[in-house]
């Protein structure tokens, strides 16, 4: 019999029937429904905290805390030169990379120097590695840095000019 999607079956012993509890003594799981007598776990609606180890100090509390989360971290989507060469374009913009599915809509782009350039490219990105910059300029191309990749570029702060304009406005007097 040919194997196709309609004839696929799991191997013998790979699946088992649902455990039916509380269906009489002959099943071996009647009366207490495989919960044993008394105790917290035998009661209905009982739920221990995740990771509870019966009163023993749980693993997540036995292990030491390590490191911290930097709230000012800026994430870049990295793109190598060989990936840019594959596109076959001479002018590379974030919109072009987005159209080809290499980066997402709001990603900050960093170009790394892995790969060889044979033709001149004009590349627009938020950051470049030294080797990528050297290879692009050596091939006769241009490196164009897009806006600063600081917190303001990520849309979390207003530009400095707007903040100063707001500060200069007089506050209305209370009556």
N, C-alpha and C. Protein backbone atom coordinates (compact mmCIF):
# COMPACT_ATOMS: atom_id res chain seq x y z
N UNK A 1 0.85 -1.20 0.00
CA UNK A 1 0.00 0.00 0.00
C UNK A 1 0.88 1.24 0.00
N UNK A 2 0.63 2.19 -0.92
CA UNK A 2 1.48 3.40 -0.97
C UNK A 2 1.24 4.28 0.27
N UNK A 3 2.33 4.92 0.72
CA UNK A 3 2.21 5.81 1.88
C UNK A 3 1.95 7.22 1.40
N UNK A 4 0.84 7.77 1.85
CA UNK A 4 0.53 9.18 1.60
C UNK A 4 -0.18 9.73 2.83
N UNK A 5 -0.63 10.98 2.77
CA UNK A 5 -1.21 11.61 3.95
C UNK A 5 -2.45 10.88 4.46
N UNK A 6 -3.19 10.24 3.60
CA UNK A 6 -4.41 9.57 4.04
C UNK A 6 -4.15 8.20 4.64
N UNK A 7 -2.95 7.63 4.43
CA UNK A 7 -2.66 6.30 4.99
C UNK A 7 -1.64 6.33 6.12
N UNK A 8 -1.22 7.54 6.54
CA UNK A 8 -0.23 7.62 7.64
C UNK A 8 -0.85 7.18 8.96
N UNK A 9 -0.15 6.35 9.72
CA UNK A 9 -0.62 5.95 11.04
C UNK A 9 0.57 5.96 11.99
N UNK A 10 0.32 6.24 13.29
CA UNK A 10 1.42 6.18 14.25
C UNK A 10 1.86 4.73 14.45
N UNK A 11 3.12 4.49 14.84
CA UNK A 11 3.57 3.10 15.06
C UNK A 11 2.84 2.46 16.24
N UNK A 12 2.82 1.15 16.29
CA UNK A 12 2.14 0.43 17.36
C UNK A 12 2.72 0.81 18.71
N UNK A 13 1.85 1.09 19.66
CA UNK A 13 2.30 1.42 21.02
C UNK A 13 2.63 2.90 21.21
N UNK A 14 2.55 3.69 20.15
CA UNK A 14 2.90 5.11 20.27
C UNK A 14 1.76 5.90 20.90
N UNK A 15 0.53 5.44 20.74
CA UNK A 15 -0.60 6.15 21.32
C UNK A 15 -1.30 5.25 22.34
N UNK A 16 -1.89 5.86 23.34
CA UNK A 16 -2.64 5.08 24.32
C UNK A 16 -3.93 5.81 24.66
N UNK A 17 -4.90 5.07 25.14
CA UNK A 17 -6.20 5.66 25.45
C UNK A 17 -6.09 6.56 26.68
N UNK A 18 -7.04 7.50 26.78
CA UNK A 18 -7.10 8.44 27.90
C UNK A 18 -7.30 7.65 29.19
N UNK A 19 -6.67 8.11 30.29
CA UNK A 19 -6.81 7.45 31.58
C UNK A 19 -8.19 7.77 32.15
N UNK A 20 -9.06 6.76 32.25
CA UNK A 20 -10.40 6.99 32.78
C UNK A 20 -10.42 6.55 34.24
N UNK A 21 -10.60 7.51 35.13
CA UNK A 21 -10.55 7.22 36.56
C UNK A 21 -11.95 7.26 37.16
N UNK A 22 -12.10 6.60 38.33
CA UNK A 22 -13.38 6.61 39.04
C UNK A 22 -14.45 5.81 38.34
N UNK A 23 -14.08 4.70 37.67
CA UNK A 23 -15.06 3.88 36.95
C UNK A 23 -15.10 2.46 37.51
N UNK A 24 -15.05 2.33 38.82
CA UNK A 24 -15.21 1.02 39.45
C UNK A 24 -13.90 0.39 39.86
N UNK A 25 -14.01 -0.53 40.83
CA UNK A 25 -12.82 -1.16 41.42
C UNK A 25 -12.06 -2.03 40.42
N UNK A 26 -12.76 -2.65 39.49
CA UNK A 26 -12.11 -3.54 38.54
C UNK A 26 -11.11 -2.83 37.65
N UNK A 27 -11.27 -1.53 37.45
CA UNK A 27 -10.36 -0.81 36.56
C UNK A 27 -9.01 -0.54 37.22
N UNK A 28 -8.95 -0.67 38.55
CA UNK A 28 -7.71 -0.36 39.27
C UNK A 28 -7.57 1.12 39.57
N UNK A 29 -8.52 1.90 39.07
CA UNK A 29 -8.49 3.34 39.33
C UNK A 29 -9.87 3.81 39.79
N UNK A 30 -10.55 2.99 40.57
CA UNK A 30 -11.86 3.37 41.09
C UNK A 30 -11.70 4.03 42.44
N UNK A 31 -12.78 4.19 43.16
CA UNK A 31 -12.81 4.76 44.51
C UNK A 31 -12.03 6.06 44.65
N UNK A 32 -10.72 6.01 44.90
CA UNK A 32 -9.95 7.24 45.12
C UNK A 32 -9.45 7.84 43.80
N UNK A 33 -9.77 7.24 42.70
CA UNK A 33 -9.39 7.74 41.37
C UNK A 33 -7.89 7.98 41.23
N UNK A 34 -7.10 7.05 41.71
CA UNK A 34 -5.64 7.07 41.58
C UNK A 34 -5.00 8.25 42.31
N UNK A 35 -5.74 8.83 43.31
CA UNK A 35 -5.18 9.96 44.07
C UNK A 35 -4.70 9.56 45.46
N UNK A 36 -4.99 8.35 45.87
CA UNK A 36 -4.60 7.94 47.23
C UNK A 36 -5.57 8.48 48.27
N UNK A 37 -5.30 8.20 49.57
CA UNK A 37 -6.19 8.65 50.65
C UNK A 37 -5.68 9.95 51.25
N UNK A 38 -6.57 10.86 51.54
CA UNK A 38 -6.28 12.12 52.24
C UNK A 38 -5.11 12.91 51.64
N UNK A 39 -4.80 14.00 52.25
CA UNK A 39 -3.69 14.83 51.78
C UNK A 39 -4.11 15.88 50.78
N UNK A 40 -3.25 16.88 50.65
CA UNK A 40 -3.59 18.04 49.80
C UNK A 40 -3.86 17.63 48.35
N UNK A 41 -3.08 16.70 47.84
CA UNK A 41 -3.22 16.34 46.43
C UNK A 41 -4.46 15.52 46.14
N UNK A 42 -5.09 14.97 47.17
CA UNK A 42 -6.28 14.16 46.94
C UNK A 42 -7.54 15.01 46.86
N UNK A 43 -7.48 16.25 47.34
CA UNK A 43 -8.68 17.10 47.40
C UNK A 43 -9.01 17.68 46.03
N UNK A 44 -10.29 17.93 45.82
CA UNK A 44 -10.68 18.55 44.54
C UNK A 44 -10.31 20.02 44.57
N UNK A 45 -9.95 20.54 43.42
CA UNK A 45 -9.59 21.96 43.32
C UNK A 45 -8.23 22.28 43.89
N UNK A 46 -7.47 21.26 44.29
CA UNK A 46 -6.15 21.52 44.89
C UNK A 46 -5.16 21.85 43.79
N UNK A 47 -4.30 22.81 44.06
CA UNK A 47 -3.28 23.19 43.08
C UNK A 47 -2.09 23.74 43.83
N UNK A 48 -0.94 23.11 43.70
CA UNK A 48 0.27 23.61 44.33
C UNK A 48 0.92 24.62 43.40
N UNK A 49 1.78 25.47 43.98
CA UNK A 49 2.46 26.44 43.13
C UNK A 49 3.38 25.72 42.14
N UNK A 50 3.61 26.36 41.02
CA UNK A 50 4.48 25.78 40.00
C UNK A 50 5.86 25.56 40.58
N UNK A 51 6.42 24.39 40.41
CA UNK A 51 7.75 24.11 40.93
C UNK A 51 7.76 23.68 42.39
N UNK A 52 6.59 23.41 42.99
CA UNK A 52 6.52 23.00 44.39
C UNK A 52 7.15 21.63 44.54
N UNK A 53 8.01 21.46 45.56
CA UNK A 53 8.72 20.20 45.75
C UNK A 53 8.41 19.59 47.10
N UNK A 54 7.15 19.71 47.54
CA UNK A 54 6.74 19.07 48.78
C UNK A 54 7.33 19.70 50.02
N UNK A 55 7.65 20.97 49.98
CA UNK A 55 8.21 21.65 51.14
C UNK A 55 9.71 21.80 51.06
N UNK A 56 10.36 20.97 50.25
CA UNK A 56 11.80 21.14 50.03
C UNK A 56 12.02 22.44 49.28
N UNK A 57 13.15 23.10 49.53
CA UNK A 57 13.44 24.38 48.88
C UNK A 57 13.46 24.15 47.36
N UNK A 58 12.55 24.78 46.61
CA UNK A 58 12.47 24.52 45.17
C UNK A 58 13.72 24.97 44.41
N UNK A 59 13.93 24.34 43.27
CA UNK A 59 15.14 24.57 42.48
C UNK A 59 15.32 26.04 42.13
N UNK A 60 14.23 26.72 41.78
CA UNK A 60 14.37 28.12 41.36
C UNK A 60 14.77 29.02 42.52
N UNK A 61 14.66 28.55 43.75
CA UNK A 61 15.13 29.33 44.89
C UNK A 61 16.49 28.86 45.39
N UNK A 62 16.86 27.62 45.03
CA UNK A 62 18.19 27.12 45.44
C UNK A 62 19.31 27.71 44.59
N UNK A 63 18.99 28.03 43.34
CA UNK A 63 20.02 28.54 42.44
C UNK A 63 20.23 30.03 42.64
N UNK A 64 21.47 30.52 42.54
CA UNK A 64 21.71 31.95 42.75
C UNK A 64 21.20 32.80 41.60
N UNK A 65 20.89 34.05 41.90
CA UNK A 65 20.49 35.00 40.86
C UNK A 65 21.75 35.44 40.12
N UNK A 66 21.63 35.65 38.82
CA UNK A 66 22.81 36.10 38.06
C UNK A 66 22.44 37.17 37.06
N UNK A 67 23.30 38.18 36.93
CA UNK A 67 23.17 39.18 35.88
C UNK A 67 22.03 40.15 36.09
N UNK A 68 21.75 40.92 35.05
CA UNK A 68 20.68 41.90 35.09
C UNK A 68 20.22 42.16 33.67
N UNK A 69 19.11 42.87 33.51
CA UNK A 69 18.59 43.22 32.20
C UNK A 69 18.85 44.69 31.94
N UNK A 70 19.61 44.98 30.90
CA UNK A 70 19.92 46.36 30.56
C UNK A 70 18.71 46.98 29.86
N UNK A 71 18.09 47.97 30.49
CA UNK A 71 16.88 48.56 29.91
C UNK A 71 17.18 49.49 28.74
N UNK A 72 18.45 49.82 28.53
CA UNK A 72 18.82 50.71 27.42
C UNK A 72 19.37 49.93 26.23
N UNK A 73 19.25 48.59 26.25
CA UNK A 73 19.78 47.76 25.18
C UNK A 73 19.10 48.10 23.86
N UNK A 74 19.89 48.21 22.80
CA UNK A 74 19.36 48.48 21.46
C UNK A 74 19.63 47.24 20.61
N UNK A 75 18.58 46.63 20.08
CA UNK A 75 18.69 45.41 19.29
C UNK A 75 18.83 45.77 17.81
N UNK A 76 19.79 45.14 17.14
CA UNK A 76 19.98 45.34 15.70
C UNK A 76 19.70 44.04 14.96
N UNK A 77 19.17 44.17 13.76
CA UNK A 77 19.02 43.02 12.88
C UNK A 77 20.28 43.00 12.03
N UNK A 78 21.09 41.94 12.13
CA UNK A 78 22.36 41.92 11.41
C UNK A 78 22.18 41.36 10.00
N UNK A 79 22.88 41.99 9.06
CA UNK A 79 22.84 41.55 7.66
C UNK A 79 24.28 41.53 7.17
N UNK A 80 24.70 40.40 6.60
CA UNK A 80 26.07 40.28 6.09
C UNK A 80 26.15 40.76 4.64
N UNK A 81 27.37 41.12 4.24
CA UNK A 81 27.59 41.63 2.88
C UNK A 81 27.19 40.60 1.81
N UNK A 82 27.48 39.32 2.06
CA UNK A 82 27.14 38.31 1.05
C UNK A 82 25.62 38.26 0.80
N UNK A 83 24.84 38.56 1.83
CA UNK A 83 23.38 38.60 1.69
C UNK A 83 22.96 39.80 0.81
N UNK A 84 23.68 40.91 0.95
CA UNK A 84 23.38 42.10 0.15
C UNK A 84 23.73 41.87 -1.32
N UNK A 85 24.83 41.13 -1.55
CA UNK A 85 25.26 40.83 -2.93
C UNK A 85 24.21 39.96 -3.62
N UNK A 86 23.61 39.02 -2.88
CA UNK A 86 22.61 38.11 -3.45
C UNK A 86 21.40 38.86 -4.01
N UNK A 87 21.11 40.05 -3.45
CA UNK A 87 19.94 40.81 -3.89
C UNK A 87 20.10 41.31 -5.33
N UNK A 88 21.35 41.53 -5.75
CA UNK A 88 21.60 41.97 -7.11
C UNK A 88 21.22 43.43 -7.37
N UNK A 89 21.18 44.23 -6.34
CA UNK A 89 20.85 45.66 -6.46
C UNK A 89 22.11 46.47 -6.14
N UNK A 90 22.18 47.70 -6.69
CA UNK A 90 23.33 48.55 -6.40
C UNK A 90 23.03 49.55 -5.28
N UNK A 91 21.73 49.85 -5.06
CA UNK A 91 21.33 50.78 -4.02
C UNK A 91 20.49 50.02 -3.00
N UNK A 92 21.04 49.83 -1.80
CA UNK A 92 20.36 49.00 -0.81
C UNK A 92 19.81 49.88 0.31
N UNK A 93 18.49 49.82 0.48
CA UNK A 93 17.79 50.61 1.50
C UNK A 93 17.06 49.66 2.45
N UNK A 94 16.67 50.16 3.62
CA UNK A 94 15.89 49.32 4.54
C UNK A 94 14.58 48.83 3.91
N UNK A 95 13.97 49.65 3.04
CA UNK A 95 12.73 49.25 2.38
C UNK A 95 12.96 48.03 1.48
N UNK A 96 14.10 48.03 0.77
CA UNK A 96 14.44 46.91 -0.11
C UNK A 96 14.65 45.64 0.71
N UNK A 97 15.37 45.78 1.83
CA UNK A 97 15.62 44.62 2.69
C UNK A 97 14.31 44.09 3.28
N UNK A 98 13.40 45.01 3.60
CA UNK A 98 12.11 44.63 4.15
C UNK A 98 11.28 43.90 3.09
N UNK A 99 11.34 44.39 1.85
CA UNK A 99 10.59 43.78 0.75
C UNK A 99 11.04 42.33 0.51
N UNK A 100 12.34 42.08 0.68
CA UNK A 100 12.88 40.73 0.48
C UNK A 100 12.79 39.86 1.72
N UNK A 101 12.23 40.41 2.81
CA UNK A 101 12.02 39.63 4.03
C UNK A 101 13.27 39.41 4.86
N UNK A 102 14.30 40.22 4.65
CA UNK A 102 15.54 40.07 5.40
C UNK A 102 15.42 40.73 6.77
N UNK A 103 14.74 41.89 6.82
CA UNK A 103 14.52 42.58 8.09
C UNK A 103 13.03 42.88 8.25
N UNK A 104 12.64 43.20 9.49
CA UNK A 104 11.25 43.54 9.77
C UNK A 104 11.00 45.03 9.60
N UNK A 105 9.76 45.45 9.86
CA UNK A 105 9.34 46.83 9.58
C UNK A 105 10.09 47.84 10.44
N UNK A 106 10.19 47.60 11.74
CA UNK A 106 10.80 48.60 12.63
C UNK A 106 12.20 48.21 13.10
N UNK A 107 12.84 47.28 12.41
CA UNK A 107 14.16 46.82 12.83
C UNK A 107 15.24 47.85 12.54
N UNK A 108 16.19 47.95 13.48
CA UNK A 108 17.41 48.72 13.23
C UNK A 108 18.39 47.77 12.57
N UNK A 109 19.10 48.23 11.54
CA UNK A 109 19.93 47.34 10.72
C UNK A 109 21.40 47.60 10.98
N UNK A 110 22.15 46.50 11.17
CA UNK A 110 23.61 46.60 11.26
C UNK A 110 24.20 45.71 10.17
N UNK A 111 25.11 46.28 9.37
CA UNK A 111 25.73 45.53 8.28
C UNK A 111 27.07 45.01 8.77
N UNK A 112 27.27 43.69 8.64
CA UNK A 112 28.53 43.05 9.02
C UNK A 112 29.31 42.68 7.77
N UNK A 113 30.63 42.50 7.92
CA UNK A 113 31.50 42.34 6.76
C UNK A 113 31.77 40.93 6.32
N UNK A 114 30.84 40.01 6.50
CA UNK A 114 31.07 38.62 6.08
C UNK A 114 30.68 38.48 4.61
N UNK A 115 31.62 38.18 3.76
CA UNK A 115 31.35 38.05 2.33
C UNK A 115 32.26 38.96 1.52
N UNK A 116 32.25 38.77 0.20
CA UNK A 116 33.11 39.55 -0.70
C UNK A 116 32.27 40.42 -1.61
N UNK A 117 32.73 41.64 -1.86
CA UNK A 117 32.05 42.56 -2.77
C UNK A 117 32.86 42.68 -4.06
N UNK A 118 32.19 42.57 -5.19
CA UNK A 118 32.88 42.73 -6.46
C UNK A 118 32.41 44.00 -7.17
N UNK A 119 31.19 44.46 -6.84
CA UNK A 119 30.67 45.68 -7.47
C UNK A 119 30.40 46.73 -6.39
N UNK A 120 30.28 47.99 -6.83
CA UNK A 120 30.05 49.09 -5.89
C UNK A 120 28.60 49.08 -5.41
N UNK A 121 28.42 49.21 -4.09
CA UNK A 121 27.08 49.25 -3.51
C UNK A 121 26.91 50.53 -2.71
N UNK A 122 25.72 51.09 -2.75
CA UNK A 122 25.36 52.19 -1.85
C UNK A 122 24.44 51.58 -0.80
N UNK A 123 24.92 51.52 0.44
CA UNK A 123 24.17 50.83 1.49
C UNK A 123 23.71 51.82 2.55
N UNK A 124 22.42 51.78 2.87
CA UNK A 124 21.86 52.61 3.95
C UNK A 124 21.53 51.69 5.12
N UNK A 125 22.10 51.99 6.29
CA UNK A 125 21.81 51.20 7.49
C UNK A 125 22.05 52.05 8.73
N UNK A 126 21.67 51.54 9.88
CA UNK A 126 21.81 52.29 11.12
C UNK A 126 23.20 52.14 11.73
N UNK A 127 23.90 51.04 11.37
CA UNK A 127 25.24 50.81 11.91
C UNK A 127 26.01 49.90 10.96
N UNK A 128 27.34 50.07 10.94
CA UNK A 128 28.21 49.23 10.10
C UNK A 128 29.38 48.76 10.94
N UNK A 129 29.84 47.54 10.70
CA UNK A 129 31.08 47.10 11.35
C UNK A 129 32.24 47.71 10.55
N UNK A 130 33.42 47.76 11.19
CA UNK A 130 34.58 48.35 10.52
C UNK A 130 34.91 47.60 9.23
N UNK A 131 34.87 46.27 9.30
CA UNK A 131 35.23 45.47 8.12
C UNK A 131 34.22 45.69 6.99
N UNK A 132 32.94 45.86 7.33
CA UNK A 132 31.93 46.10 6.29
C UNK A 132 32.16 47.46 5.63
N UNK A 133 32.45 48.47 6.45
CA UNK A 133 32.72 49.81 5.91
C UNK A 133 33.91 49.77 4.96
N UNK A 134 34.99 49.10 5.38
CA UNK A 134 36.21 49.02 4.57
C UNK A 134 35.92 48.32 3.24
N UNK A 135 35.21 47.19 3.28
CA UNK A 135 34.94 46.43 2.06
C UNK A 135 34.06 47.20 1.09
N UNK A 136 33.06 47.91 1.62
CA UNK A 136 32.16 48.67 0.75
C UNK A 136 32.92 49.82 0.08
N UNK A 137 33.73 50.56 0.86
CA UNK A 137 34.47 51.69 0.28
C UNK A 137 35.58 51.21 -0.65
N UNK A 138 36.19 50.07 -0.35
CA UNK A 138 37.24 49.52 -1.21
C UNK A 138 36.67 49.10 -2.57
N UNK A 139 35.40 48.65 -2.57
CA UNK A 139 34.76 48.24 -3.82
C UNK A 139 34.21 49.45 -4.58
N UNK A 140 34.37 50.66 -4.02
CA UNK A 140 33.91 51.88 -4.69
C UNK A 140 32.48 52.26 -4.33
N UNK A 141 31.94 51.69 -3.28
CA UNK A 141 30.57 51.99 -2.87
C UNK A 141 30.51 53.06 -1.80
N UNK A 142 29.28 53.33 -1.32
CA UNK A 142 29.08 54.35 -0.30
C UNK A 142 28.38 53.76 0.90
N UNK A 143 28.74 54.30 2.08
CA UNK A 143 28.11 53.91 3.33
C UNK A 143 27.28 55.09 3.81
N UNK A 144 25.97 54.89 3.97
CA UNK A 144 25.10 55.97 4.45
C UNK A 144 24.48 55.57 5.78
N UNK A 145 24.85 56.31 6.82
CA UNK A 145 24.29 56.04 8.15
C UNK A 145 22.92 56.67 8.26
N UNK A 146 21.95 55.88 8.69
CA UNK A 146 20.61 56.41 8.92
C UNK A 146 20.55 56.91 10.35
N UNK A 147 19.52 57.72 10.69
CA UNK A 147 19.35 58.33 12.01
C UNK A 147 20.04 57.63 13.15
N UNK A 148 20.25 58.33 14.25
CA UNK A 148 20.96 57.76 15.38
C UNK A 148 20.16 56.61 15.96
N UNK A 149 20.84 55.53 16.30
CA UNK A 149 20.13 54.37 16.83
C UNK A 149 19.86 54.48 18.33
N UNK A 150 19.84 55.72 18.83
CA UNK A 150 19.60 55.91 20.26
C UNK A 150 18.13 55.67 20.58
N UNK A 151 17.78 55.92 21.81
CA UNK A 151 16.41 55.69 22.27
C UNK A 151 15.43 56.56 21.49
N UNK A 152 15.85 57.75 21.08
CA UNK A 152 14.97 58.65 20.34
C UNK A 152 14.56 58.03 19.01
N UNK A 153 15.49 57.32 18.35
CA UNK A 153 15.18 56.70 17.06
C UNK A 153 14.17 55.57 17.22
N UNK A 154 14.19 54.93 18.38
CA UNK A 154 13.25 53.84 18.62
C UNK A 154 11.86 54.37 18.95
N UNK A 155 11.72 55.70 19.00
CA UNK A 155 10.41 56.30 19.22
C UNK A 155 10.01 56.40 20.67
N UNK A 156 10.97 56.29 21.58
CA UNK A 156 10.63 56.32 22.99
C UNK A 156 10.74 57.72 23.58
N UNK A 157 11.49 58.60 22.94
CA UNK A 157 11.63 59.99 23.42
C UNK A 157 11.36 60.96 22.27
N UNK A 158 10.92 62.14 22.62
CA UNK A 158 10.73 63.16 21.59
C UNK A 158 12.10 63.73 21.21
N UNK A 159 12.22 64.26 19.99
CA UNK A 159 13.48 64.93 19.65
C UNK A 159 13.73 66.11 20.59
N UNK A 160 15.00 66.44 20.78
CA UNK A 160 15.40 67.45 21.75
C UNK A 160 14.74 68.81 21.48
N UNK A 161 14.59 69.17 20.19
CA UNK A 161 14.01 70.47 19.83
C UNK A 161 12.57 70.59 20.37
N UNK A 162 11.80 69.51 20.26
CA UNK A 162 10.42 69.54 20.75
C UNK A 162 10.37 69.71 22.26
N UNK A 163 11.29 69.07 22.96
CA UNK A 163 11.31 69.17 24.43
C UNK A 163 11.61 70.60 24.85
N UNK A 164 12.58 71.25 24.16
CA UNK A 164 12.95 72.62 24.51
C UNK A 164 11.81 73.58 24.22
N UNK A 165 11.09 73.36 23.12
CA UNK A 165 9.98 74.24 22.76
C UNK A 165 8.88 74.16 23.81
N UNK A 166 8.65 72.96 24.34
CA UNK A 166 7.63 72.80 25.36
C UNK A 166 8.03 73.48 26.66
N UNK A 167 9.31 73.44 26.98
CA UNK A 167 9.79 74.05 28.22
C UNK A 167 9.69 75.56 28.18
N UNK A 168 9.85 76.15 27.00
CA UNK A 168 9.84 77.60 26.88
C UNK A 168 8.44 78.20 26.98
N UNK A 169 7.40 77.40 26.74
CA UNK A 169 6.04 77.91 26.80
C UNK A 169 5.67 78.23 28.26
N UNK A 170 5.07 79.41 28.53
CA UNK A 170 4.68 79.72 29.89
C UNK A 170 3.50 78.86 30.33
N UNK A 171 3.52 78.49 31.61
CA UNK A 171 2.43 77.68 32.15
C UNK A 171 1.24 78.58 32.45
N UNK A 172 0.02 78.10 32.20
CA UNK A 172 -1.17 78.91 32.49
C UNK A 172 -1.34 79.10 34.00
N UNK A 173 -1.80 80.29 34.37
CA UNK A 173 -1.97 80.60 35.79
C UNK A 173 -3.31 80.07 36.27
N UNK A 174 -3.30 79.57 37.50
CA UNK A 174 -4.54 79.07 38.10
C UNK A 174 -5.35 80.23 38.62
N UNK A 175 -6.68 80.13 38.49
CA UNK A 175 -7.55 81.21 38.95
C UNK A 175 -8.09 80.93 40.33
